[in-house]
C-alpha atoms as a PDB file:
ATOM      1  CA  MET A   1      -6.413 -13.596  16.022  1.00  0.00           C
ATOM      2  CA  SER A   2      -9.412 -13.248  16.227  1.00  0.00           C
ATOM      3  CA  ALA A   3     -12.082 -11.133  18.236  1.00  0.00           C
ATOM      4  CA  ILE A   4     -12.069 -12.470  21.819  1.00  0.00           C
ATOM      5  CA  PRO A   5     -14.640 -12.827  24.648  1.00  0.00           C
ATOM      6  CA  LEU A   6     -16.219  -9.594  25.663  1.00  0.00           C
ATOM      7  CA  ALA A   7     -15.562  -9.340  29.239  1.00  0.00           C
ATOM      8  CA  ARG A   8     -11.925 -10.265  28.357  1.00  0.00           C
ATOM      9  CA  TRP A   9     -12.091  -7.357  25.816  1.00  0.00           C
ATOM     10  CA  LEU A  10     -13.378  -4.648  28.469  1.00  0.00           C
ATOM     11  CA  ALA A  11     -11.162  -5.688  30.692  1.00  0.00           C
ATOM     12  CA  LYS A  12      -7.913  -5.647  28.146  1.00  0.00           C
ATOM     13  CA  LYS A  13      -9.172  -1.898  27.187  1.00  0.00           C
ATOM     14  CA  SER A  14      -9.580  -1.120  30.367  1.00  0.00           C
ATOM     15  CA  ALA A  15      -6.351  -1.535  31.810  1.00  0.00           C
ATOM     16  CA  ARG A  16      -4.427  -0.210  28.653  1.00  0.00           C
ATOM     17  CA  ARG A  17      -6.686   3.091  29.460  1.00  0.00           C
ATOM     18  CA  ALA A  18      -6.462   3.358  32.955  1.00  0.00           C
ATOM     19  CA  LEU A  19      -2.546   3.062  32.996  1.00  0.00           C
ATOM     20  CA  ALA A  20      -3.066   5.814  30.251  1.00  0.00           C
ATOM     21  CA  LEU A  21      -4.878   7.490  32.507  1.00  0.00           C
ATOM     22  CA  ALA A  22      -3.262   7.404  35.255  1.00  0.00           C
ATOM     23  CA  MET A  23       0.149   7.793  33.409  1.00  0.00           C
ATOM     24  CA  GLY A  24      -0.859  11.293  33.250  1.00  0.00           C
ATOM     25  CA  ALA A  25      -3.211  12.625  36.222  1.00  0.00           C
ATOM     26  CA  SER A  26      -0.496  11.950  38.718  1.00  0.00           C
ATOM     27  CA  GLY A  27       2.026  13.324  36.801  1.00  0.00           C
ATOM     28  CA  ALA A  28       4.549  11.223  36.320  1.00  0.00           C
ATOM     29  CA  LEU A  29       4.088  10.572  32.156  1.00  0.00           C
ATOM     30  CA  ALA A  30       4.720  15.124  32.669  1.00  0.00           C
ATOM     31  CA  LEU A  31       7.815  14.942  34.904  1.00  0.00           C
ATOM     32  CA  ARG A  32       9.411  11.844  32.598  1.00  0.00           C
ATOM     33  CA  ARG A  33       9.107  13.771  30.333  1.00  0.00           C
ATOM     34  CA  ARG A  34      11.024  16.927  32.241  1.00  0.00           C
ATOM     35  CA  LEU A  35      13.584  14.731  33.092  1.00  0.00           C
ATOM     36  CA  ALA A  36      14.440  12.795  30.121  1.00  0.00           C
ATOM     37  CA  SER A  37      17.792  13.884  29.209  1.00  0.00           C
ATOM     38  CA  ALA A  38      17.737  12.563  25.745  1.00  0.00           C
ATOM     39  CA  PRO A  39      15.107  12.472  23.196  1.00  0.00           C
ATOM     40  CA  ARG A  40      12.933   9.116  22.893  1.00  0.00           C
ATOM     41  CA  VAL A  41      11.247   8.471  19.746  1.00  0.00           C
ATOM     42  CA  ARG A  42       8.552   5.306  19.787  1.00  0.00           C
ATOM     43  CA  VAL A  43       7.408   2.389  17.580  1.00  0.00           C
ATOM     44  CA  LEU A  44       4.134   1.285  17.106  1.00  0.00           C
ATOM     45  CA  THR A  45       3.356  -1.979  16.450  1.00  0.00           C
ATOM     46  CA  TYR A  46       0.125  -1.861  14.252  1.00  0.00           C
ATOM     47  CA  HIS A  47      -0.760  -5.694  12.088  1.00  0.00           C
ATOM     48  CA  ARG A  48      -3.937  -5.953   9.640  1.00  0.00           C
ATOM     49  CA  PHE A  49      -6.804  -3.492   8.530  1.00  0.00           C
ATOM     50  CA  GLY A  50     -10.488  -4.164   8.623  1.00  0.00           C
ATOM     51  CA  ASP A  51     -13.642  -3.821  11.041  1.00  0.00           C
ATOM     52  CA  ILE A  52     -14.047  -7.171  12.907  1.00  0.00           C
ATOM     53  CA  ALA A  53     -15.462  -6.311  16.494  1.00  0.00           C
ATOM     54  CA  ARG A  54     -13.225  -7.294  19.287  1.00  0.00           C
ATOM     55  CA  ASP A  55     -10.241  -7.903  17.713  1.00  0.00           C
ATOM     56  CA  PRO A  56      -7.457  -6.507  18.745  1.00  0.00           C
ATOM     57  CA  PHE A  57      -5.252  -7.123  16.028  1.00  0.00           C
ATOM     58  CA  CYS A  58      -7.493  -5.694  13.618  1.00  0.00           C
ATOM     59  CA  MET A  59      -7.494  -1.830  13.029  1.00  0.00           C
ATOM     60  CA  LYS A  60     -10.899  -0.496  11.822  1.00  0.00           C
ATOM     61  CA  GLN A  61      -9.404   1.642   8.427  1.00  0.00           C
ATOM     62  CA  SER A  62     -11.145   5.148   9.738  1.00  0.00           C
ATOM     63  CA  ASP A  63      -9.418   4.941  13.267  1.00  0.00           C
ATOM     64  CA  PHE A  64      -5.966   4.657  11.420  1.00  0.00           C
ATOM     65  CA  GLU A  65      -6.604   6.918   8.621  1.00  0.00           C
ATOM     66  CA  ALA A  66      -7.084   9.388  12.483  1.00  0.00           C
ATOM     67  CA  GLN A  67      -4.169   8.678  14.181  1.00  0.00           C
ATOM     68  CA  ILE A  68      -1.854   8.453  10.440  1.00  0.00           C
ATOM     69  CA  ARG A  69      -3.013  12.106  10.819  1.00  0.00           C
ATOM     70  CA  PHE A  70      -2.527  13.127  13.320  1.00  0.00           C
ATOM     71  CA  LEU A  71       0.761  11.924  13.389  1.00  0.00           C
ATOM     72  CA  ALA A  72       1.019  14.208  10.080  1.00  0.00           C
ATOM     73  CA  GLU A  73      -0.285  17.374  11.186  1.00  0.00           C
ATOM     74  CA  HIS A  74       2.063  17.406  14.181  1.00  0.00           C
ATOM     75  CA  GLU A  75       5.074  16.206  11.994  1.00  0.00           C
ATOM     76  CA  ARG A  76       6.059  13.031  13.756  1.00  0.00           C
ATOM     77  CA  ALA A  77       6.309  10.558  11.671  1.00  0.00           C
ATOM     78  CA  ILE A  78       9.278   9.245  10.486  1.00  0.00           C
ATOM     79  CA  GLY A  79      11.645   6.759   8.747  1.00  0.00           C
ATOM     80  CA  LEU A  80      13.217   3.718   9.476  1.00  0.00           C
ATOM     81  CA  ASP A  81      16.574   5.032   8.155  1.00  0.00           C
ATOM     82  CA  ASP A  82      15.869   8.044  10.392  1.00  0.00           C
ATOM     83  CA  LEU A  83      15.709   5.685  13.211  1.00  0.00           C
ATOM     84  CA  ARG A  84      18.585   3.906  12.085  1.00  0.00           C
ATOM     85  CA  ARG A  85      21.185   6.826  12.095  1.00  0.00           C
ATOM     86  CA  PHE A  86      18.761   8.377  16.009  1.00  0.00           C
ATOM     87  CA  VAL A  87      19.653   4.517  17.123  1.00  0.00           C
ATOM     88  CA  ALA A  88      23.837   4.962  16.285  1.00  0.00           C
ATOM     89  CA  GLY A  89      24.028   8.273  17.512  1.00  0.00           C
ATOM     90  CA  GLU A  90      23.675  10.261  13.449  1.00  0.00           C
ATOM     91  CA  GLN A  91      20.540  11.970  13.308  1.00  0.00           C
ATOM     92  CA  GLU A  92      18.897  13.438  16.115  1.00  0.00           C
ATOM     93  CA  LEU A  93      14.643  13.413  15.694  1.00  0.00           C
ATOM     94  CA  ALA A  94      12.244  15.756  17.479  1.00  0.00           C
ATOM     95  CA  ARG A  95      10.733  14.247  21.050  1.00  0.00           C
ATOM     96  CA  ASP A  96       8.123  11.227  20.519  1.00  0.00           C
ATOM     97  CA  SER A  97       8.893  10.746  17.032  1.00  0.00           C
ATOM     98  CA  ALA A  98       7.125   7.938  16.085  1.00  0.00           C
ATOM     99  CA  LEU A  99       7.901   4.762  13.897  1.00  0.00           C
ATOM    100  CA  VAL A 100       4.829   3.376  12.121  1.00  0.00           C
ATOM    101  CA  THR A 101       5.425  -0.564  11.629  1.00  0.00           C
ATOM    102  CA  ILE A 102       3.020  -3.299  10.525  1.00  0.00           C
ATOM    103  CA  ASP A 103       3.177  -6.973  10.431  1.00  0.00           C
ATOM    104  CA  ASP A 104       3.115 -10.013   9.218  1.00  0.00           C
ATOM    105  CA  GLY A 105       2.171  -9.636   5.968  1.00  0.00           C
ATOM    106  CA  PHE A 106      -1.467  -9.479   5.734  1.00  0.00           C
ATOM    107  CA  ALA A 107      -3.355  -8.356   1.971  1.00  0.00           C
ATOM    108  CA  SER A 108      -5.322  -5.343   4.608  1.00  0.00           C
ATOM    109  CA  THR A 109      -1.364  -4.134   4.198  1.00  0.00           C
ATOM    110  CA  PHE A 110      -2.053  -3.310   0.755  1.00  0.00           C
ATOM    111  CA  SER A 111      -5.510  -2.653   0.483  1.00  0.00           C
ATOM    112  CA  LEU A 112      -6.011  -0.359   4.022  1.00  0.00           C
ATOM    113  CA  ALA A 113      -3.462   0.841   5.194  1.00  0.00           C
ATOM    114  CA  LEU A 114      -1.119   1.582   2.002  1.00  0.00           C
ATOM    115  CA  PRO A 115      -3.660   4.296   0.816  1.00  0.00           C
ATOM    116  CA  VAL A 116      -3.838   6.280   4.215  1.00  0.00           C
ATOM    117  CA  LEU A 117      -0.503   6.115   4.495  1.00  0.00           C
ATOM    118  CA  ARG A 118       0.257   7.893   1.642  1.00  0.00           C
ATOM    119  CA  HIS A 119      -2.669  10.430   1.841  1.00  0.00           C
ATOM    120  CA  HIS A 120      -0.330  11.505   4.581  1.00  0.00           C
ATOM    121  CA  ALA A 121       2.823  10.702   3.667  1.00  0.00           C
ATOM    122  CA  VAL A 122       4.142   9.162   6.153  1.00  0.00           C
ATOM    123  CA  PRO A 123       6.388   6.498   5.820  1.00  0.00           C
ATOM    124  CA  ALA A 124       5.819   3.058   7.478  1.00  0.00           C
ATOM    125  CA  VAL A 125       7.753  -0.570   7.055  1.00  0.00           C
ATOM    126  CA  ALA A 126       6.001  -3.996   6.796  1.00  0.00           C
ATOM    127  CA  PHE A 127       7.709  -6.614   8.542  1.00  0.00           C
ATOM    128  CA  VAL A 128       6.365  -9.453   6.725  1.00  0.00           C
ATOM    129  CA  THR A 129       6.774 -13.593   6.822  1.00  0.00           C
ATOM    130  CA  ALA A 130       8.549 -13.702   3.697  1.00  0.00           C
ATOM    131  CA  SER A 131       7.443 -17.544   2.777  1.00  0.00           C
ATOM    132  CA  LEU A 132       3.655 -16.755   3.567  1.00  0.00           C
ATOM    133  CA  VAL A 133       3.709 -13.544   0.484  1.00  0.00           C
ATOM    134  CA  GLY A 134       1.950 -14.918  -2.657  1.00  0.00           C
ATOM    135  CA  ASN A 135       1.495 -18.618  -0.852  1.00  0.00           C
ATOM    136  CA  PRO A 136      -2.082 -19.516  -1.235  1.00  0.00           C
ATOM    137  CA  ASP A 137      -1.453 -22.451   1.035  1.00  0.00           C
ATOM    138  CA  ALA A 138      -0.812 -19.516   4.118  1.00  0.00           C
ATOM    139  CA  PRO A 139      -2.926 -20.116   6.592  1.00  0.00           C
ATOM    140  CA  ARG A 140      -5.334 -17.284   6.748  1.00  0.00           C
ATOM    141  CA  VAL A 141      -6.574 -14.799   9.418  1.00  0.00           C
ATOM    142  CA  GLU A 142     -10.187 -13.739   9.344  1.00  0.00           C
ATOM    143  CA  ALA A 143     -10.452 -15.212   5.961  1.00  0.00           C
ATOM    144  CA  GLU A 144      -7.649 -12.630   4.817  1.00  0.00           C
ATOM    145  CA  ARG A 145      -4.556 -14.126   2.861  1.00  0.00           C
ATOM    146  CA  TYR A 146      -1.753 -12.802   3.036  1.00  0.00           C
ATOM    147  CA  MET A 147       0.084 -10.354   0.315  1.00  0.00           C
ATOM    148  CA  THR A 148       0.729 -10.855  -3.148  1.00  0.00           C
ATOM    149  CA  TRP A 149       4.824 -10.374  -4.497  1.00  0.00           C
ATOM    150  CA  ASP A 150       3.126  -7.886  -6.462  1.00  0.00           C
ATOM    151  CA  GLU A 151       1.120  -6.179  -4.095  1.00  0.00           C
ATOM    152  CA  LEU A 152       4.291  -5.630  -1.360  1.00  0.00           C
ATOM    153  CA  GLU A 153       6.430  -4.407  -4.560  1.00  0.00           C
ATOM    154  CA  LYS A 154       3.690  -1.769  -4.457  1.00  0.00           C
ATOM    155  CA  LEU A 155       4.223  -0.905  -1.146  1.00  0.00           C
ATOM    156  CA  ALA A 156       7.520  -0.273  -1.644  1.00  0.00           C
ATOM    157  CA  GLU A 157       7.130   1.006  -4.207  1.00  0.00           C
ATOM    158  CA  GLY A 158       4.573   3.722  -2.147  1.00  0.00           C
ATOM    159  CA  GLY A 159       7.543   4.130   0.680  1.00  0.00           C
ATOM    160  CA  ILE A 160       7.153   1.483   2.259  1.00  0.00           C
ATOM    161  CA  ALA A 161       9.650  -0.577   3.907  1.00  0.00           C
ATOM    162  CA  THR A 162       9.881  -4.445   3.647  1.00  0.00           C
ATOM    163  CA  GLY A 163      12.201  -5.588   7.010  1.00  0.00           C
ATOM    164  CA  ALA A 164      11.449  -9.597   8.070  1.00  0.00           C
ATOM    165  CA  HIS A 165       9.684 -11.098  10.051  1.00  0.00           C
ATOM    166  CA  GLY A 166      10.642 -14.444   9.970  1.00  0.00           C
ATOM    167  CA  TYR A 167      10.875 -16.659   7.033  1.00  0.00           C
ATOM    168  CA  GLY A 168       8.658 -18.262   8.615  1.00  0.00           C
ATOM    169  CA  HIS A 169       6.424 -17.376  11.663  1.00  0.00           C
ATOM    170  CA  GLU A 170       7.624 -19.175  13.995  1.00  0.00           C
ATOM    171  CA  SER A 171       9.351 -18.332  17.247  1.00  0.00           C
ATOM    172  CA  LEU A 172      12.876 -17.857  17.193  1.00  0.00           C
ATOM    173  CA  GLY A 173      13.805 -18.029  20.623  1.00  0.00           C
ATOM    174  CA  GLN A 174      12.152 -21.982  20.460  1.00  0.00           C
ATOM    175  CA  MET A 175      14.724 -23.130  18.154  1.00  0.00           C
ATOM    176  CA  SER A 176      18.503 -23.356  17.824  1.00  0.00           C
ATOM    177  CA  VAL A 177      21.065 -20.032  17.253  1.00  0.00           C
ATOM    178  CA  ALA A 178      20.949 -22.303  13.171  1.00  0.00           C
ATOM    179  CA  ALA A 179      18.190 -22.781  12.665  1.00  0.00           C
ATOM    180  CA  ALA A 180      16.834 -19.338  13.608  1.00  0.00           C
ATOM    181  CA  HIS A 181      20.073 -18.152  11.826  1.00  0.00           C
ATOM    182  CA  GLU A 182      18.785 -19.922   8.359  1.00  0.00           C
ATOM    183  CA  GLN A 183      15.712 -17.936   9.636  1.00  0.00           C
ATOM    184  CA  GLY A 184      17.007 -14.710   9.332  1.00  0.00           C
ATOM    185  CA  VAL A 185      19.058 -15.039   6.251  1.00  0.00           C
ATOM    186  CA  ARG A 186      16.128 -17.407   4.366  1.00  0.00           C
ATOM    187  CA  ALA A 187      13.509 -14.329   5.200  1.00  0.00           C
ATOM    188  CA  ARG A 188      16.581 -11.970   4.171  1.00  0.00           C
ATOM    189  CA  GLU A 189      17.955 -13.197   1.001  1.00  0.00           C
ATOM    190  CA  LEU A 190      14.064 -14.613  -0.418  1.00  0.00           C
ATOM    191  CA  LEU A 191      12.887 -10.291  -0.041  1.00  0.00           C
ATOM    192  CA  GLU A 192      16.157  -8.551  -1.536  1.00  0.00           C
ATOM    193  CA  SER A 193      15.326 -11.227  -4.182  1.00  0.00           C
ATOM    194  CA  ARG A 194      11.909 -10.795  -5.088  1.00  0.00           C
ATOM    195  CA  LEU A 195      12.139  -7.172  -4.249  1.00  0.00           C
ATOM    196  CA  GLY A 196      15.838  -5.791  -5.852  1.00  0.00           C
ATOM    197  CA  ARG A 197      15.847  -3.823  -2.613  1.00  0.00           C
ATOM    198  CA  THR A 198      18.294  -3.972   0.867  1.00  0.00           C
ATOM    199  CA  VAL A 199      16.272  -6.136   3.749  1.00  0.00           C
ATOM    200  CA  PHE A 200      17.918  -4.364   6.966  1.00  0.00           C
ATOM    201  CA  SER A 201      15.652  -4.992  10.101  1.00  0.00           C
ATOM    202  CA  PHE A 202      14.498  -7.908  11.594  1.00  0.00           C
ATOM    203  CA  ALA A 203      10.570  -8.081  13.387  1.00  0.00           C
ATOM    204  CA  TYR A 204      10.319 -11.125  15.376  1.00  0.00           C
ATOM    205  CA  PRO A 205       7.848 -13.124  15.020  1.00  0.00           C
ATOM    206  CA  TYR A 206       5.465 -13.470  18.956  1.00  0.00           C
ATOM    207  CA  GLY A 207       8.212 -11.070  20.644  1.00  0.00           C
ATOM    208  CA  THR A 208       7.712 -12.039  24.075  1.00  0.00           C
ATOM    209  CA  LEU A 209      10.362 -12.838  26.192  1.00  0.00           C
ATOM    210  CA  ARG A 210      10.078 -17.120  25.660  1.00  0.00           C
ATOM    211  CA  ASP A 211      10.443 -15.236  21.466  1.00  0.00           C
ATOM    212  CA  PHE A 212      14.262 -13.327  21.302  1.00  0.00           C
ATOM    213  CA  ASN A 213      17.497 -14.655  24.008  1.00  0.00           C
ATOM    214  CA  THR A 214      21.022 -14.438  23.427  1.00  0.00           C
ATOM    215  CA  GLY A 215      21.238 -16.830  21.173  1.00  0.00           C
ATOM    216  CA  THR A 216      18.416 -15.529  18.655  1.00  0.00           C
ATOM    217  CA  ARG A 217      20.443 -11.730  18.554  1.00  0.00           C
ATOM    218  CA  ARG A 218      23.941 -13.610  18.076  1.00  0.00           C
ATOM    219  CA  ALA A 219      21.697 -15.340  15.249  1.00  0.00           C
ATOM    220  CA  LEU A 220      20.309 -12.408  13.112  1.00  0.00           C
ATOM    221  CA  VAL A 221      23.416 -10.370  13.120  1.00  0.00           C
ATOM    222  CA  ALA A 222      25.019 -12.841  11.590  1.00  0.00           C
ATOM    223  CA  ALA A 223      22.575 -12.666   8.917  1.00  0.00           C
ATOM    224  CA  GLY A 224      22.899  -9.879   8.359  1.00  0.00           C
ATOM    225  CA  TYR A 225      20.508  -7.236   9.947  1.00  0.00           C
ATOM    226  CA  ALA A 226      21.150  -3.910  11.605  1.00  0.00           C
ATOM    227  CA  LEU A 227      18.070  -3.346  13.163  1.00  0.00           C
ATOM    228  CA  VAL A 228      15.861  -6.091  15.637  1.00  0.00           C
ATOM    229  CA  PHE A 229      12.747  -5.394  16.796  1.00  0.00           C
ATOM    230  CA  THR A 230      10.659  -7.383  19.511  1.00  0.00           C
ATOM    231  CA  SER A 231       7.399  -6.560  20.911  1.00  0.00           C
ATOM    232  CA  GLN A 232       7.973  -5.932  24.482  1.00  0.00           C
ATOM    233  CA  HIS A 233       6.868  -1.779  25.030  1.00  0.00           C
ATOM    234  CA  GLY A 234       8.950   1.297  25.508  1.00  0.00           C
ATOM    235  CA  SER A 235      10.902   4.016  23.535  1.00  0.00           C
ATOM    236  CA  VAL A 236      13.857   4.127  21.679  1.00  0.00           C
ATOM    237  CA  ARG A 237      16.931   5.898  23.102  1.00  0.00           C
ATOM    238  CA  GLN A 238      19.588   6.683  21.307  1.00  0.00           C
ATOM    239  CA  GLY A 239      22.678   3.798  22.530  1.00  0.00           C
ATOM    240  CA  MET A 240      20.415   1.684  22.491  1.00  0.00           C
ATOM    241  CA  ASP A 241      21.524  -1.858  21.792  1.00  0.00           C
ATOM    242  CA  PRO A 242      20.219  -1.879  17.713  1.00  0.00           C
ATOM    243  CA  HIS A 243      18.948  -5.453  18.099  1.00  0.00           C
ATOM    244  CA  GLU A 244      17.134  -5.513  20.831  1.00  0.00           C
ATOM    245  CA  LEU A 245      14.731  -3.138  20.233  1.00  0.00           C
ATOM    246  CA  PRO A 246      10.883  -2.091  22.365  1.00  0.00           C
ATOM    247  CA  ARG A 247       7.782  -1.607  20.147  1.00  0.00           C
ATOM    248  CA  VAL A 248       4.382  -0.551  21.336  1.00  0.00           C
ATOM    249  CA  LYS A 249       1.254  -1.324  20.635  1.00  0.00           C
ATOM    250  CA  VAL A 250      -1.356  -0.186  18.568  1.00  0.00           C
ATOM    251  CA  GLU A 251      -5.004  -1.482  19.054  1.00  0.00           C
ATOM    252  CA  ASN A 252      -8.402  -1.688  17.835  1.00  0.00           C
ATOM    253  CA  GLY A 253     -10.751  -0.082  20.345  1.00  0.00           C
ATOM    254  CA  ASP A 254      -8.029   2.215  21.521  1.00  0.00           C
ATOM    255  CA  THR A 255      -9.250   5.954  21.389  1.00  0.00           C
ATOM    256  CA  ARG A 256      -7.978   8.598  20.502  1.00  0.00           C
ATOM    257  CA  ALA A 257      -7.005  10.396  23.196  1.00  0.00           C
ATOM    258  CA  LEU A 258      -5.562   6.685  24.385  1.00  0.00           C
ATOM    259  CA  PHE A 259      -3.313   7.202  20.478  1.00  0.00           C
ATOM    260  CA  ARG A 260      -2.570  10.835  20.992  1.00  0.00           C
ATOM    261  CA  ARG A 261      -0.927   9.237  25.129  1.00  0.00           C
ATOM    262  CA  LEU A 262       0.665   6.349  23.859  1.00  0.00           C
ATOM    263  CA  CYS A 263       2.914   8.319  21.237  1.00  0.00           C
ATOM    264  CA  ASP A 264       3.752  10.741  24.024  1.00  0.00           C
ATOM    265  CA  GLY A 265       4.969   7.309  25.997  1.00  0.00           C
ATOM    266  CA  ALA A 266       2.447   6.783  28.703  1.00  0.00           C
ATOM    267  CA  LEU A 267       2.178   3.130  27.701  1.00  0.00           C
ATOM    268  CA  ASP A 268       6.165   2.412  27.636  1.00  0.00           C
ATOM    269  CA  SER A 269       5.544   1.015  31.333  1.00  0.00           C
ATOM    270  CA  TRP A 270       2.993  -1.555  29.421  1.00  0.00           C
ATOM    271  CA  ARG A 271       6.436  -3.315  29.701  1.00  0.00           C
ATOM    272  CA  ILE A 272       5.826  -4.623  33.698  1.00  0.00           C
ATOM    273  CA  VAL A 273       2.633  -6.383  32.318  1.00  0.00           C
ATOM    274  CA  ASP A 274       5.064  -7.696  28.989  1.00  0.00           C
ATOM    275  CA  SER A 275       7.652  -8.963  31.864  1.00  0.00           C
ATOM    276  CA  GLY A 276       4.325 -10.699  34.341  1.00  0.00           C
ATOM    277  CA  LEU A 277       4.455 -13.187  32.578  1.00  0.00           C
ATOM    278  CA  SER A 278       9.085 -14.478  33.339  1.00  0.00           C
ATOM    279  CA  ARG A 279       8.126 -16.679  35.260  1.00  0.00           C
ATOM    280  CA  LEU A 280       6.775 -19.134  32.768  1.00  0.00           C
ATOM    281  CA  GLN A 281       8.955 -17.755  29.755  1.00  0.00           C
ATOM    282  CA  ARG A 282      12.417 -17.601  31.173  1.00  0.00           C
ATOM    283  CA  PRO A 283      12.364 -21.177  30.984  1.00  0.00           C
ATOM    284  CA  ALA A 284      12.313 -20.846  27.493  1.00  0.00           C
ATOM    285  CA  ARG A 285      14.739 -18.311  27.203  1.00  0.00           C
ATOM    286  CA  LYS A 286      17.953 -20.521  28.160  1.00  0.00           C
ATOM    287  CA  ARG A 287      17.408 -22.771  24.179  1.00  0.00           C
ATOM    288  CA  GLY A 288      19.515 -21.493  21.900  1.00  0.00           C
ATOM    289  CA  VAL A 289      22.030 -19.994  23.854  1.00  0.00           C
END
């Protein structure tokens, strides 16, 4: 995604801030946190890094640095293995801990995000589209290329786990179960063979309600994934289905105050917006079941 019209940009920013402020001002967020019977953690989603005005998916490095510094200073950052054990009930985590994830596999993950993460010793997960890594013919967004295999290897050496984001960046919900299974298997096998590391996590390309269903879940379980993430907002709790985990999107233009609130759960209810298109998405979910 590239720059969007100013009116749409302002409307989206206003809506996100309004929800976060409403959750805080009404006391709903504080009440929900007090009544929660068990800790909830959040999986934060990023995409690209750079300085492109009004591109919600392209985070300024300076803003990213401030956000990662906040997680480090407040000891909120966790790793992928921590989350896996937490969901399985094998490990306790502090309330409102956060896992940083970066989708797609663009080069700025290596050039701009990695130095920040290493400086603050914050772990993360790079969900990469396997067939696009090191592919000179891969489509570019705002002239940004995908990482090379050497860059992805150095990312892993720097403490950033690798997860699959499909073999091709295609909606699994729009294909057969067999095709979705093939996407999962080919992605995992290629990544593991090139990196020499186990790949046990998967993030759905797009991740909307039309992009996953019971059939895709079955396909990815069979493909060997222990954790699967959507793009639906919400918190992660112990005992949740590990193959349909929510995340919280962090966007360019989010203020530092908004970032802190979303780490506390102020945008968990954005899932209502996520599901607002369900009347359009629901028919597509029947495919592949």
